[in-house]
C-alpha atoms as a PDB file:
ATOM      1  CA  MET A   1      79.699  14.515   4.614  1.00  0.00           C
ATOM      2  CA  LEU A   2      77.011  12.421   4.047  1.00  0.00           C
ATOM      3  CA  LYS A   3      75.725  13.623   0.770  1.00  0.00           C
ATOM      4  CA  CYS A   4      79.161  14.477  -0.265  1.00  0.00           C
ATOM      5  CA  PHE A   5      80.408  10.663   0.648  1.00  0.00           C
ATOM      6  CA  LEU A   6      77.310   9.246  -1.128  1.00  0.00           C
ATOM      7  CA  PHE A   7      77.726  11.352  -4.465  1.00  0.00           C
ATOM      8  CA  LEU A   8      80.854   9.858  -4.995  1.00  0.00           C
ATOM      9  CA  LEU A   9      80.381   6.323  -3.746  1.00  0.00           C
ATOM     10  CA  PRO A  10      79.823   4.708  -7.404  1.00  0.00           C
ATOM     11  CA  ALA A  11      83.400   5.733  -8.176  1.00  0.00           C
ATOM     12  CA  ALA A  12      84.652   2.847  -6.496  1.00  0.00           C
ATOM     13  CA  ALA A  13      82.483  -0.191  -7.492  1.00  0.00           C
ATOM     14  CA  ALA A  14      84.458  -2.084 -10.498  1.00  0.00           C
ATOM     15  CA  TRP A  15      86.022  -5.401 -11.516  1.00  0.00           C
ATOM     16  CA  SER A  16      86.886  -7.742 -14.420  1.00  0.00           C
ATOM     17  CA  MET A  17      87.308 -11.471 -14.934  1.00  0.00           C
ATOM     18  CA  LEU A  18      90.089 -14.049 -15.704  1.00  0.00           C
ATOM     19  CA  ILE A  19      92.115 -13.783 -19.003  1.00  0.00           C
ATOM     20  CA  GLY A  20      93.366 -17.551 -19.116  1.00  0.00           C
ATOM     21  CA  ASN A  21      96.132 -19.335 -21.316  1.00  0.00           C
ATOM     22  CA  PRO A  22      96.030 -18.035 -24.675  1.00  0.00           C
ATOM     23  CA  ALA A  23      96.822 -21.679 -25.856  1.00  0.00           C
ATOM     24  CA  GLN A  24      93.948 -23.246 -23.749  1.00  0.00           C
ATOM     25  CA  PRO A  25      91.895 -24.508 -26.575  1.00  0.00           C
ATOM     26  CA  ALA A  26      94.647 -27.046 -27.459  1.00  0.00           C
ATOM     27  CA  LEU A  27      95.907 -28.032 -24.128  1.00  0.00           C
ATOM     28  CA  GLN A  28      92.918 -31.028 -23.675  1.00  0.00           C
ATOM     29  CA  ARG A  29      93.230 -33.215 -26.469  1.00  0.00           C
ATOM     30  CA  GLU A  30      91.225 -36.171 -24.500  1.00  0.00           C
ATOM     31  CA  GLY A  31      87.607 -36.244 -23.300  1.00  0.00           C
ATOM     32  CA  VAL A  32      86.332 -38.226 -20.035  1.00  0.00           C
ATOM     33  CA  ILE A  33      83.639 -39.414 -22.236  1.00  0.00           C
ATOM     34  CA  ARG A  34      84.782 -38.673 -25.817  1.00  0.00           C
ATOM     35  CA  SER A  35      88.248 -39.667 -25.926  1.00  0.00           C
ATOM     36  CA  CYS A  36      88.723 -40.336 -30.005  1.00  0.00           C
ATOM     37  CA  PRO A  37      89.250 -37.382 -32.328  1.00  0.00           C
ATOM     38  CA  SER A  38      86.595 -35.202 -33.111  1.00  0.00           C
ATOM     39  CA  TRP A  39      85.977 -31.764 -34.457  1.00  0.00           C
ATOM     40  CA  TRP A  40      84.339 -30.361 -31.471  1.00  0.00           C
ATOM     41  CA  SER A  41      84.259 -30.975 -27.626  1.00  0.00           C
ATOM     42  CA  VAL A  42      82.862 -29.907 -24.306  1.00  0.00           C
ATOM     43  CA  ARG A  43      84.396 -28.501 -21.396  1.00  0.00           C
ATOM     44  CA  VAL A  44      83.178 -27.999 -17.781  1.00  0.00           C
ATOM     45  CA  GLY A  45      84.977 -25.558 -15.065  1.00  0.00           C
ATOM     46  CA  TYR A  46      84.991 -24.127 -11.849  1.00  0.00           C
ATOM     47  CA  LEU A  47      86.487 -20.248 -11.119  1.00  0.00           C
ATOM     48  CA  GLU A  48      87.335 -18.201  -8.331  1.00  0.00           C
ATOM     49  CA  ASP A  49      88.555 -14.744  -9.262  1.00  0.00           C
ATOM     50  CA  TYR A  50      89.545 -12.144  -6.294  1.00  0.00           C
ATOM     51  CA  VAL A  51      90.093  -8.476  -7.074  1.00  0.00           C
ATOM     52  CA  TYR A  52      92.153  -7.105  -4.523  1.00  0.00           C
ATOM     53  CA  ARG A  53      92.560  -3.808  -5.762  1.00  0.00           C
ATOM     54  CA  ALA A  54      90.730  -1.912  -8.277  1.00  0.00           C
ATOM     55  CA  GLN A  55      91.208   1.855  -9.385  1.00  0.00           C
ATOM     56  CA  PHE A  56      88.384   3.792 -11.095  1.00  0.00           C
ATOM     57  CA  LYS A  57      87.509   7.657 -11.915  1.00  0.00           C
ATOM     58  CA  ASP A  58      84.890   9.652 -12.664  1.00  0.00           C
ATOM     59  CA  GLU A  59      83.388   9.271 -16.338  1.00  0.00           C
ATOM     60  CA  PHE A  60      82.361  12.739 -16.547  1.00  0.00           C
ATOM     61  CA  ARG A  61      83.780  15.995 -14.698  1.00  0.00           C
ATOM     62  CA  PHE A  62      81.341  18.232 -12.661  1.00  0.00           C
ATOM     63  CA  PRO A  63      81.941  22.014 -12.171  1.00  0.00           C
ATOM     64  CA  GLY A  64      82.709  22.329  -8.588  1.00  0.00           C
ATOM     65  CA  VAL A  65      82.818  18.575  -7.650  1.00  0.00           C
ATOM     66  CA  VAL A  66      86.397  17.611  -6.842  1.00  0.00           C
ATOM     67  CA  ALA A  67      87.593  14.454  -8.704  1.00  0.00           C
ATOM     68  CA  THR A  68      87.854  11.447  -6.488  1.00  0.00           C
ATOM     69  CA  THR A  69      89.956   7.790  -6.770  1.00  0.00           C
ATOM     70  CA  SER A  70      88.378   4.967  -5.146  1.00  0.00           C
ATOM     71  CA  TYR A  71      89.557   1.314  -4.629  1.00  0.00           C
ATOM     72  CA  VAL A  72      87.533  -2.024  -4.155  1.00  0.00           C
ATOM     73  CA  LYS A  73      88.023  -5.716  -3.711  1.00  0.00           C
ATOM     74  CA  LEU A  74      85.652  -7.938  -5.010  1.00  0.00           C
ATOM     75  CA  SER A  75      85.427 -11.524  -5.499  1.00  0.00           C
ATOM     76  CA  THR A  76      83.684 -14.005  -8.111  1.00  0.00           C
ATOM     77  CA  ASP A  77      82.780 -17.765  -7.898  1.00  0.00           C
ATOM     78  CA  ALA A  78      81.489 -19.169 -11.011  1.00  0.00           C
ATOM     79  CA  ALA A  79      81.085 -21.655 -13.486  1.00  0.00           C
ATOM     80  CA  LEU A  80      82.427 -21.876 -16.951  1.00  0.00           C
ATOM     81  CA  ILE A  81      81.047 -23.471 -19.797  1.00  0.00           C
ATOM     82  CA  THR A  82      83.324 -23.766 -23.220  1.00  0.00           C
ATOM     83  CA  LEU A  83      82.474 -25.204 -26.625  1.00  0.00           C
ATOM     84  CA  ASN A  84      85.706 -26.086 -28.412  1.00  0.00           C
ATOM     85  CA  PHE A  85      86.674 -26.246 -31.910  1.00  0.00           C
ATOM     86  CA  LYS A  86      89.113 -28.536 -33.632  1.00  0.00           C
ATOM     87  CA  ASN A  87      91.505 -27.604 -30.961  1.00  0.00           C
ATOM     88  CA  ALA A  88      91.953 -23.869 -31.879  1.00  0.00           C
ATOM     89  CA  PHE A  89      89.006 -21.939 -31.002  1.00  0.00           C
ATOM     90  CA  ASP A  90      86.639 -21.625 -27.452  1.00  0.00           C
ATOM     91  CA  LEU A  91      83.310 -20.398 -27.266  1.00  0.00           C
ATOM     92  CA  TYR A  92      82.572 -19.701 -23.460  1.00  0.00           C
ATOM     93  CA  GLY A  93      80.036 -18.798 -21.106  1.00  0.00           C
ATOM     94  CA  ILE A  94      80.334 -17.829 -17.613  1.00  0.00           C
ATOM     95  CA  ILE A  95      77.451 -18.044 -15.052  1.00  0.00           C
ATOM     96  CA  GLY A  96      77.926 -17.128 -11.280  1.00  0.00           C
ATOM     97  CA  ALA A  97      77.839 -14.763  -8.246  1.00  0.00           C
ATOM     98  CA  THR A  98      79.617 -11.611  -7.762  1.00  0.00           C
ATOM     99  CA  LYS A  99      80.099  -9.543  -3.976  1.00  0.00           C
ATOM    100  CA  LEU A 100      82.543  -6.615  -3.525  1.00  0.00           C
ATOM    101  CA  LEU A 101      83.727  -4.495  -0.711  1.00  0.00           C
ATOM    102  CA  LEU A 102      84.148  -0.881  -1.263  1.00  0.00           C
ATOM    103  CA  ASP A 103      87.103   0.968   1.052  1.00  0.00           C
ATOM    104  CA  LYS A 104      85.258  -0.760   3.836  1.00  0.00           C
ATOM    105  CA  GLU A 105      82.073   1.444   3.400  1.00  0.00           C
ATOM    106  CA  VAL A 106      80.225  -0.144   0.763  1.00  0.00           C
ATOM    107  CA  TYR A 107      78.995  -3.996   1.049  1.00  0.00           C
ATOM    108  CA  THR A 108      76.944  -6.194  -0.977  1.00  0.00           C
ATOM    109  CA  THR A 109      75.993  -9.573  -0.649  1.00  0.00           C
ATOM    110  CA  GLN A 110      76.355 -12.330  -3.711  1.00  0.00           C
ATOM    111  CA  ASN A 111      74.254 -10.896  -6.741  1.00  0.00           C
ATOM    112  CA  PRO A 112      74.387 -12.653  -9.897  1.00  0.00           C
ATOM    113  CA  SER A 113      77.212 -12.269 -12.801  1.00  0.00           C
ATOM    114  CA  TRP A 114      77.232 -13.565 -16.140  1.00  0.00           C
ATOM    115  CA  GLY A 115      79.583 -13.116 -19.209  1.00  0.00           C
ATOM    116  CA  VAL A 116      80.420 -14.241 -22.948  1.00  0.00           C
ATOM    117  CA  GLY A 117      83.760 -14.831 -24.681  1.00  0.00           C
ATOM    118  CA  GLY A 118      85.869 -16.211 -27.464  1.00  0.00           C
ATOM    119  CA  LYS A 119      89.453 -17.255 -27.128  1.00  0.00           C
ATOM    120  CA  PHE A 120      91.427 -18.572 -30.552  1.00  0.00           C
ATOM    121  CA  ILE A 121      95.198 -19.599 -31.393  1.00  0.00           C
ATOM    122  CA  PHE A 122      96.007 -18.085 -34.667  1.00  0.00           C
ATOM    123  CA  PHE A 123      99.994 -19.027 -34.498  1.00  0.00           C
ATOM    124  CA  ARG A 124     101.254 -22.263 -33.154  1.00  0.00           C
ATOM    125  CA  SER A 125     105.166 -23.583 -33.806  1.00  0.00           C
ATOM    126  CA  GLY A 126     105.851 -26.796 -31.902  1.00  0.00           C
ATOM    127  CA  ALA A 127     105.225 -26.223 -28.318  1.00  0.00           C
ATOM    128  CA  PHE A 128     104.649 -22.518 -28.602  1.00  0.00           C
ATOM    129  CA  ARG A 129     101.559 -21.022 -29.242  1.00  0.00           C
ATOM    130  CA  ILE A 130     100.144 -17.017 -29.528  1.00  0.00           C
ATOM    131  CA  GLY A 131      96.425 -16.835 -29.237  1.00  0.00           C
ATOM    132  CA  ALA A 132      93.869 -13.703 -28.257  1.00  0.00           C
ATOM    133  CA  ASP A 133      90.727 -13.193 -25.788  1.00  0.00           C
ATOM    134  CA  PHE A 134      87.790 -11.562 -25.949  1.00  0.00           C
ATOM    135  CA  LYS A 135      84.476 -11.362 -23.502  1.00  0.00           C
ATOM    136  CA  TYR A 136      81.564  -9.472 -22.339  1.00  0.00           C
ATOM    137  CA  PHE A 137      81.117  -9.322 -18.334  1.00  0.00           C
ATOM    138  CA  GLU A 138      78.019  -8.012 -16.422  1.00  0.00           C
ATOM    139  CA  THR A 139      76.406  -7.970 -13.077  1.00  0.00           C
ATOM    140  CA  ASP A 140      74.044  -5.520 -10.922  1.00  0.00           C
ATOM    141  CA  GLN A 141      75.029  -5.209  -7.364  1.00  0.00           C
ATOM    142  CA  SER A 142      72.322  -3.951  -5.010  1.00  0.00           C
ATOM    143  CA  PRO A 143      73.989  -2.497  -2.118  1.00  0.00           C
ATOM    144  CA  SER A 144      71.232  -2.908   1.144  1.00  0.00           C
ATOM    145  CA  HIS A 145      73.194  -0.148   3.071  1.00  0.00           C
ATOM    146  CA  PHE A 146      76.006   2.358   3.035  1.00  0.00           C
ATOM    147  CA  VAL A 147      78.911   3.028   6.067  1.00  0.00           C
ATOM    148  CA  SER A 148      79.756   6.553   6.712  1.00  0.00           C
ATOM    149  CA  ASP A 149      82.158   7.662   9.950  1.00  0.00           C
ATOM    150  CA  GLY A 150      80.752   4.554  11.528  1.00  0.00           C
ATOM    151  CA  PHE A 151      76.947   4.899  10.552  1.00  0.00           C
ATOM    152  CA  ALA A 152      75.208   2.686   8.563  1.00  0.00           C
ATOM    153  CA  TYR A 153      72.564   4.406   6.098  1.00  0.00           C
ATOM    154  CA  ASN A 154      69.726   1.954   4.609  1.00  0.00           C
ATOM    155  CA  VAL A 155      69.228   1.908   1.105  1.00  0.00           C
ATOM    156  CA  THR A 156      64.731   2.761   1.343  1.00  0.00           C
ATOM    157  CA  SER A 157      64.699   2.739  -2.897  1.00  0.00           C
ATOM    158  CA  ASP A 158      65.306   0.416  -5.504  1.00  0.00           C
ATOM    159  CA  PHE A 159      69.019   1.158  -6.440  1.00  0.00           C
ATOM    160  CA  GLN A 160      72.058  -1.001  -8.126  1.00  0.00           C
ATOM    161  CA  LEU A 161      75.371  -0.747  -9.427  1.00  0.00           C
ATOM    162  CA  CYS A 162      75.322  -1.633 -12.866  1.00  0.00           C
ATOM    163  CA  TYR A 163      78.726  -2.892 -14.274  1.00  0.00           C
ATOM    164  CA  SER A 164      79.279  -4.120 -17.710  1.00  0.00           C
ATOM    165  CA  GLU A 165      83.120  -4.707 -19.352  1.00  0.00           C
ATOM    166  CA  LEU A 166      84.770  -5.468 -22.697  1.00  0.00           C
ATOM    167  CA  GLN A 167      87.925  -7.148 -22.059  1.00  0.00           C
ATOM    168  CA  ALA A 168      90.498  -8.209 -24.970  1.00  0.00           C
ATOM    169  CA  ALA A 169      94.351 -10.293 -25.124  1.00  0.00           C
ATOM    170  CA  VAL A 170      96.499 -11.616 -26.627  1.00  0.00           C
ATOM    171  CA  GLY A 171      99.130 -13.640 -25.322  1.00  0.00           C
ATOM    172  CA  MET A 172     101.794 -16.414 -25.873  1.00  0.00           C
ATOM    173  CA  SER A 173     102.078 -19.828 -24.249  1.00  0.00           C
ATOM    174  CA  TYR A 174     105.086 -22.725 -24.222  1.00  0.00           C
ATOM    175  CA  ARG A 175     104.103 -26.189 -23.358  1.00  0.00           C
ATOM    176  CA  VAL A 176     106.494 -28.681 -21.401  1.00  0.00           C
ATOM    177  CA  PRO A 177     105.713 -32.258 -19.785  1.00  0.00           C
ATOM    178  CA  LEU A 178     102.583 -31.586 -17.707  1.00  0.00           C
ATOM    179  CA  ILE A 179     102.480 -27.421 -17.836  1.00  0.00           C
ATOM    180  CA  SER A 180     102.191 -24.124 -19.730  1.00  0.00           C
ATOM    181  CA  PRO A 181     103.298 -21.149 -18.487  1.00  0.00           C
ATOM    182  CA  TYR A 182     102.180 -17.624 -20.398  1.00  0.00           C
ATOM    183  CA  ILE A 183     101.781 -14.190 -20.257  1.00  0.00           C
ATOM    184  CA  GLN A 184      99.315 -11.900 -21.873  1.00  0.00           C
ATOM    185  CA  LEU A 185      99.004  -8.049 -22.512  1.00  0.00           C
ATOM    186  CA  THR A 186      95.263  -7.170 -21.864  1.00  0.00           C
ATOM    187  CA  TYR A 187      92.923  -4.114 -22.436  1.00  0.00           C
ATOM    188  CA  LEU A 188      90.080  -3.240 -20.465  1.00  0.00           C
ATOM    189  CA  VAL A 189      86.894  -0.977 -21.057  1.00  0.00           C
ATOM    190  CA  SER A 190      84.952  -0.965 -17.417  1.00  0.00           C
ATOM    191  CA  LYS A 191      82.136   1.251 -16.805  1.00  0.00           C
ATOM    192  CA  LEU A 192      79.647   1.739 -13.645  1.00  0.00           C
ATOM    193  CA  GLU A 193      76.373   3.171 -13.692  1.00  0.00           C
ATOM    194  CA  PRO A 194      74.306   3.628 -10.935  1.00  0.00           C
ATOM    195  CA  HIS A 195      70.552   2.522 -11.699  1.00  0.00           C
ATOM    196  CA  PRO A 196      68.684   5.090 -10.972  1.00  0.00           C
ATOM    197  CA  TYR A 197      71.073   8.036 -10.560  1.00  0.00           C
ATOM    198  CA  VAL A 198      68.902   9.351  -7.493  1.00  0.00           C
ATOM    199  CA  ALA A 199      68.457   6.648  -4.118  1.00  0.00           C
ATOM    200  CA  SER A 200      66.970   7.361  -1.084  1.00  0.00           C
ATOM    201  CA  VAL A 201      68.893   6.269   2.035  1.00  0.00           C
ATOM    202  CA  ARG A 202      67.174   6.427   5.692  1.00  0.00           C
ATOM    203  CA  LEU A 203      69.654   8.545   8.286  1.00  0.00           C
ATOM    204  CA  PRO A 204      70.711   6.927  11.397  1.00  0.00           C
ATOM    205  CA  PHE A 205      70.552   9.773  13.672  1.00  0.00           C
ATOM    206  CA  ALA A 206      67.310  10.172  16.734  1.00  0.00           C
ATOM    207  CA  GLY A 207      64.598  12.203  15.234  1.00  0.00           C
ATOM    208  CA  MET A 208      65.558  11.663  11.547  1.00  0.00           C
ATOM    209  CA  GLY A 209      65.421   7.935  11.033  1.00  0.00           C
ATOM    210  CA  ASP A 210      61.973   7.884   9.515  1.00  0.00           C
ATOM    211  CA  THR A 211      62.808  10.706   6.976  1.00  0.00           C
ATOM    212  CA  PRO A 212      64.445   9.377   3.632  1.00  0.00           C
ATOM    213  CA  VAL A 213      66.914  11.718   2.091  1.00  0.00           C
ATOM    214  CA  ASP A 214      67.971  11.333  -1.534  1.00  0.00           C
ATOM    215  CA  ILE A 215      71.439  11.926  -3.003  1.00  0.00           C
ATOM    216  CA  THR A 216      72.585  11.872  -6.651  1.00  0.00           C
ATOM    217  CA  SER A 217      74.895   9.376  -7.856  1.00  0.00           C
ATOM    218  CA  LYS A 218      77.306   9.188 -11.395  1.00  0.00           C
ATOM    219  CA  SER A 219      78.757   6.685 -13.422  1.00  0.00           C
ATOM    220  CA  VAL A 220      82.599   5.875 -13.790  1.00  0.00           C
ATOM    221  CA  ILE A 221      84.869   4.053 -15.903  1.00  0.00           C
ATOM    222  CA  GLY A 222      88.344   2.277 -15.515  1.00  0.00           C
ATOM    223  CA  GLN A 223      91.247   4.681 -14.335  1.00  0.00           C
ATOM    224  CA  ARG A 224      93.807   2.179 -17.053  1.00  0.00           C
ATOM    225  CA  ARG A 225      93.195   0.297 -19.857  1.00  0.00           C
ATOM    226  CA  TRP A 226      96.396  -1.482 -19.968  1.00  0.00           C
ATOM    227  CA  GLY A 227      97.467  -4.505 -18.113  1.00  0.00           C
ATOM    228  CA  MET A 228      99.168  -7.574 -18.051  1.00  0.00           C
ATOM    229  CA  ALA A 229      98.515 -11.028 -16.838  1.00  0.00           C
ATOM    230  CA  VAL A 230     101.087 -14.280 -16.029  1.00  0.00           C
ATOM    231  CA  GLY A 231      99.983 -17.416 -15.283  1.00  0.00           C
ATOM    232  CA  ALA A 232     100.356 -21.125 -15.637  1.00  0.00           C
ATOM    233  CA  THR A 233      98.138 -24.264 -16.196  1.00  0.00           C
ATOM    234  CA  ILE A 234      98.880 -27.635 -14.962  1.00  0.00           C
ATOM    235  CA  ILE A 235      97.551 -30.403 -17.586  1.00  0.00           C
ATOM    236  CA  SER A 236      96.262 -33.792 -16.369  1.00  0.00           C
ATOM    237  CA  GLY A 237      95.889 -36.808 -18.336  1.00  0.00           C
ATOM    238  CA  HIS A 238      95.149 -34.267 -21.323  1.00  0.00           C
ATOM    239  CA  MET A 239      91.530 -34.193 -20.051  1.00  0.00           C
ATOM    240  CA  GLY A 240      91.869 -32.015 -17.072  1.00  0.00           C
ATOM    241  CA  SER A 241      93.672 -28.697 -16.387  1.00  0.00           C
ATOM    242  CA  LEU A 242      94.467 -26.101 -13.730  1.00  0.00           C
ATOM    243  CA  THR A 243      95.430 -22.760 -14.043  1.00  0.00           C
ATOM    244  CA  VAL A 244      96.647 -20.340 -11.911  1.00  0.00           C
ATOM    245  CA  GLU A 245      96.653 -16.622 -12.775  1.00  0.00           C
ATOM    246  CA  SER A 246      98.098 -13.196 -11.677  1.00  0.00           C
ATOM    247  CA  ARG A 247      96.315  -9.572 -13.555  1.00  0.00           C
ATOM    248  CA  MET A 248      98.104  -6.544 -12.762  1.00  0.00           C
ATOM    249  CA  PHE A 249      98.176  -2.574 -13.940  1.00  0.00           C
ATOM    250  CA  ASN A 250      94.491  -2.078 -15.059  1.00  0.00           C
ATOM    251  CA  GLN A 251      93.893  -4.013 -12.040  1.00  0.00           C
ATOM    252  CA  ASN A 252      95.351  -6.294  -9.294  1.00  0.00           C
ATOM    253  CA  ALA A 253      93.634  -9.807  -8.823  1.00  0.00           C
ATOM    254  CA  VAL A 254      94.471 -13.700  -8.948  1.00  0.00           C
ATOM    255  CA  ASP A 255      92.405 -15.925 -10.308  1.00  0.00           C
ATOM    256  CA  VAL A 256      91.994 -20.116 -10.286  1.00  0.00           C
ATOM    257  CA  THR A 257      90.427 -22.045 -12.928  1.00  0.00           C
ATOM    258  CA  GLY A 258      89.950 -25.905 -13.121  1.00  0.00           C
ATOM    259  CA  GLU A 259      88.311 -27.641 -16.401  1.00  0.00           C
ATOM    260  CA  ILE A 260      87.493 -31.233 -17.421  1.00  0.00           C
ATOM    261  CA  ARG A 261      86.690 -32.077 -20.961  1.00  0.00           C
ATOM    262  CA  PHE A 262      83.952 -34.635 -21.791  1.00  0.00           C
END
């Protein structure tokens, strides 16, 4: 049971990041410090992202090993720094911390995470906008122990779950006074790869607690690539905004993001 569980373990740890309003580059036109018209501006924000269900599958099939599907819950707290050009293009960075829960069997504390991306508006007509978003996100998670059959198995070697993703989205938004609802089509390519592929754990049984056991792991990829996101942005005086978002199909998640333009 232990070897089987640990071999299939990484097939569940995965996540992804917010999409955001496709019209975000044009929503905040005034700044707290620089209120006059300018071809560039800076926004600073904070985001909380909670993935309450993500489904993954084995990247490669192994003879004699049954393919498995796993689920995770994952939360991210991060700062969002955005450089805006001509109220049409955003270049942003994400710096924060992420932790995960896998089937109540694998826990990690918060580990550093980061990402970069861009968002641009390519069509506008009155209050209607169509835009696209592209991003890369990465984090290395370091579980201290695994739980199986009610027992904790401490990791005694340097073992990490290295996750990376590429995400793209295209969507439409319509602005009315103080609020801008939106809908997006998303495409997510994600991968989780253990590093190294062999980890040592210490068994909790009497007479075996001092004997490390080597286990072998494997890489996994997201089971569904296409998804959808819906949300709305509340605009405050052209200088600040608050966005609430829900994502589904390729992942089930909610996100809250607040930004101020300087």
